[in-house]
Protein backbone atom coordinates (compact mmCIF):
# COMPACT_ATOMS: atom_id res chain seq x y z
CA MET A 1 -0.38 -43.72 141.39
CA ASN A 2 -3.10 -45.88 142.81
CA ILE A 3 -5.82 -47.24 140.65
CA ASN A 4 -8.84 -47.39 142.84
CA ALA A 5 -12.54 -47.74 142.31
CA THR A 6 -13.11 -44.03 141.84
CA LEU A 7 -10.79 -43.95 138.91
CA ILE A 8 -12.45 -47.00 137.37
CA VAL A 9 -15.91 -45.48 137.87
CA GLU A 10 -14.73 -42.23 136.37
CA MET A 11 -13.30 -44.11 133.35
CA LEU A 12 -16.55 -46.02 132.94
CA THR A 13 -18.54 -42.80 133.24
CA PHE A 14 -16.29 -41.15 130.68
CA LEU A 15 -16.62 -44.11 128.31
CA LEU A 16 -20.38 -44.08 128.81
CA PHE A 17 -20.37 -40.33 128.08
CA VAL A 18 -18.26 -40.87 124.93
CA TRP A 19 -20.57 -43.69 123.80
CA PHE A 20 -23.64 -41.46 124.40
CA VAL A 21 -22.08 -38.51 122.57
CA MET A 22 -20.96 -40.75 119.67
CA GLY A 23 -24.33 -42.47 119.41
CA VAL A 24 -26.81 -39.70 120.11
CA ILE A 25 -25.22 -36.28 119.68
CA TRP A 26 -22.46 -36.90 117.14
CA PRO A 27 -24.59 -38.12 114.15
CA PRO A 28 -26.89 -35.02 114.02
CA VAL A 29 -23.87 -32.71 114.41
CA MET A 30 -22.06 -34.56 111.59
CA ARG A 31 -25.20 -34.44 109.41
CA ALA A 32 -25.51 -30.68 110.04
CA LEU A 33 -21.81 -30.18 109.23
CA GLU A 34 -22.11 -32.29 106.09
CA LYS A 35 -25.25 -30.40 105.07
CA ARG A 36 -23.46 -27.09 105.64
CA ARG A 37 -20.41 -28.34 103.68
CA THR A 38 -22.71 -29.37 100.81
CA GLN A 39 -24.46 -25.97 100.84
CA ILE A 40 -21.12 -24.15 100.82
CA ALA A 41 -19.86 -26.31 97.94
CA GLU A 42 -23.09 -25.71 96.00
CA GLY A 43 -22.83 -21.96 96.68
CA ILE A 44 -19.24 -21.89 95.44
CA ALA A 45 -20.21 -23.91 92.34
CA SER A 46 -23.18 -21.61 91.75
CA ALA A 47 -20.96 -18.55 92.13
CA ASP A 48 -18.51 -20.02 89.60
CA GLN A 49 -21.36 -20.72 87.18
CA GLY A 50 -22.69 -17.21 87.72
CA ARG A 51 -19.24 -15.73 87.07
CA GLN A 52 -18.92 -17.80 83.91
CA ALA A 53 -22.42 -16.77 82.80
CA LEU A 54 -21.51 -13.14 83.50
CA ASP A 55 -18.35 -13.45 81.40
CA VAL A 56 -20.35 -15.02 78.56
CA ALA A 57 -22.99 -12.29 78.85
CA LYS A 58 -20.29 -9.59 78.78
CA LYS A 59 -18.77 -11.12 75.67
CA GLU A 60 -22.20 -11.38 74.02
CA GLY A 61 -22.98 -7.80 75.01
CA GLU A 62 -19.70 -6.58 73.56
CA GLN A 63 -20.38 -8.54 70.37
CA ILE A 64 -23.90 -7.12 70.11
CA LEU A 65 -22.54 -3.63 70.69
CA ALA A 66 -19.85 -4.11 68.03
CA ASP A 67 -22.48 -5.44 65.60
CA ALA A 68 -24.75 -2.48 66.35
CA ARG A 69 -21.89 -0.04 65.76
CA ALA A 70 -21.01 -1.74 62.48
CA GLN A 71 -24.66 -1.68 61.41
CA ALA A 72 -24.95 2.00 62.36
CA ALA A 73 -21.81 2.78 60.35
CA ALA A 74 -23.23 0.88 57.37
CA ILE A 75 -26.53 2.76 57.63
CA LEU A 76 -24.64 6.04 57.85
CA ARG A 77 -22.59 5.16 54.76
CA GLN A 78 -25.78 4.24 52.88
CA ALA A 79 -27.39 7.52 53.91
CA GLU A 80 -24.34 9.46 52.74
CA ASP A 81 -24.34 7.56 49.44
CA ARG A 82 -28.05 8.23 48.96
CA SER A 83 -27.68 11.90 49.79
CA GLN A 84 -24.78 12.21 47.35
CA ALA A 85 -26.87 10.45 44.69
CA VAL A 86 -29.77 12.84 45.34
CA ILE A 87 -27.40 15.81 45.13
CA ASP A 88 -25.84 14.51 41.91
CA ASN A 89 -29.29 13.84 40.45
CA ALA A 90 -30.49 17.32 41.39
CA MET A 91 -27.37 18.91 39.92
CA GLY A 92 -27.82 16.94 36.69
CA GLU A 93 -31.49 17.90 36.55
CA GLY A 94 -30.60 21.55 37.19
CA LYS A 95 -27.94 21.50 34.48
CA ARG A 96 -30.39 19.96 32.02
CA GLU A 97 -33.00 22.58 32.86
CA ALA A 98 -30.42 25.38 32.59
CA ASP A 99 -29.27 24.05 29.21
CA LEU A 100 -32.90 23.88 28.08
CA ILE A 101 -33.57 27.46 29.24
CA ILE A 102 -30.38 28.68 27.52
CA ALA A 103 -31.35 26.88 24.32
CA GLN A 104 -34.83 28.40 24.43
CA ALA A 105 -33.37 31.86 25.08
CA ARG A 106 -31.00 31.46 22.14
CA GLN A 107 -33.86 30.37 19.92
CA GLU A 108 -35.93 33.34 21.01
CA LEU A 109 -32.95 35.65 20.48
CA ASP A 110 -32.42 34.21 16.98
CA VAL A 111 -36.11 34.73 16.18
CA GLN A 112 -36.01 38.32 17.47
CA LEU A 113 -32.73 38.99 15.62
CA LYS A 114 -34.19 37.67 12.37
CA ALA A 115 -37.32 39.76 12.89
CA ALA A 116 -35.21 42.86 13.59
CA LYS A 117 -33.07 42.18 10.51
CA ARG A 118 -36.18 41.69 8.42
CA GLU A 119 -37.69 44.91 9.75
CA LEU A 120 -34.42 46.78 9.18
CA TYR A 121 -34.12 45.32 5.69
CA ASN A 122 -37.67 46.35 4.87
CA GLU A 123 -37.04 49.85 6.24
CA ILE A 124 -33.77 50.21 4.33
CA ALA A 125 -35.42 48.90 1.18
CA GLY A 126 -38.23 51.41 1.59
CA LEU A 127 -35.77 54.24 2.10
CA ALA A 128 -33.67 53.10 -0.82
CA LEU A 129 -36.74 53.07 -3.03
CA LYS A 130 -37.72 56.50 -1.80
CA ALA A 131 -34.20 57.82 -2.41
CA ALA A 132 -34.10 56.17 -5.81
CA GLY A 133 -37.45 57.72 -6.62
CA GLN A 134 -36.11 61.16 -5.77
CA VAL A 135 -32.95 60.56 -7.77
CA VAL A 136 -34.92 59.50 -10.77
CA MET A 137 -37.09 62.56 -10.49
CA GLU A 138 -34.21 64.97 -10.31
CA ASP A 139 -30.96 65.35 -12.02
CA LEU A 140 -28.31 65.41 -9.32
CA ASP A 141 -25.20 67.44 -9.03
CA ASP A 142 -22.83 67.13 -6.05
CA GLU A 143 -24.55 69.76 -3.95
CA LYS A 144 -28.01 68.30 -4.47
CA HIS A 145 -26.63 64.84 -3.81
CA HIS A 146 -25.19 65.92 -0.37
CA LYS A 147 -28.42 67.69 0.56
CA MET A 148 -30.49 64.64 -0.32
CA VAL A 149 -28.23 62.27 1.64
CA ASN A 150 -28.29 64.61 4.65
CA SER A 151 -32.07 64.84 4.54
CA LEU A 152 -32.39 61.06 4.29
CA VAL A 153 -30.02 60.60 7.26
CA LYS A 154 -32.04 63.14 9.28
CA SER A 155 -35.27 61.33 8.44
CA TRP A 156 -33.78 57.96 9.62
CA SER A 157 -32.74 59.28 13.00
């Protein structure tokens, strides 16, 4: 292998090319690569933060949903309690009114019964006086007595 001038010129040209590439072309390429690496790292970090924020939001959403369900169940229980209270109150009110109506009906029945008894008593007393008046007027034997009783019974009916 002969080292001649061509080889030396080629080596110098190559070294000059390497120096040019390292001095002029290499720094912008390295800056672009570093910028791209930084953007990729920031994108990955942002994606991780977004994933974490999504997990937190899911947990908060689940918690809000659970709270809403619990609140809805509490409202439903309160509504059921209130409706039962209204029903109980209405039943108590109805029972009181029914008792009052029954008491009034009994009072009215007692008044009517007393009036009927009084009327019957007065009628019987009148008939007894009438019968006594006839007895006093006449002397009674058994046959007259039966006739008088029969006529009084016929006059009552």
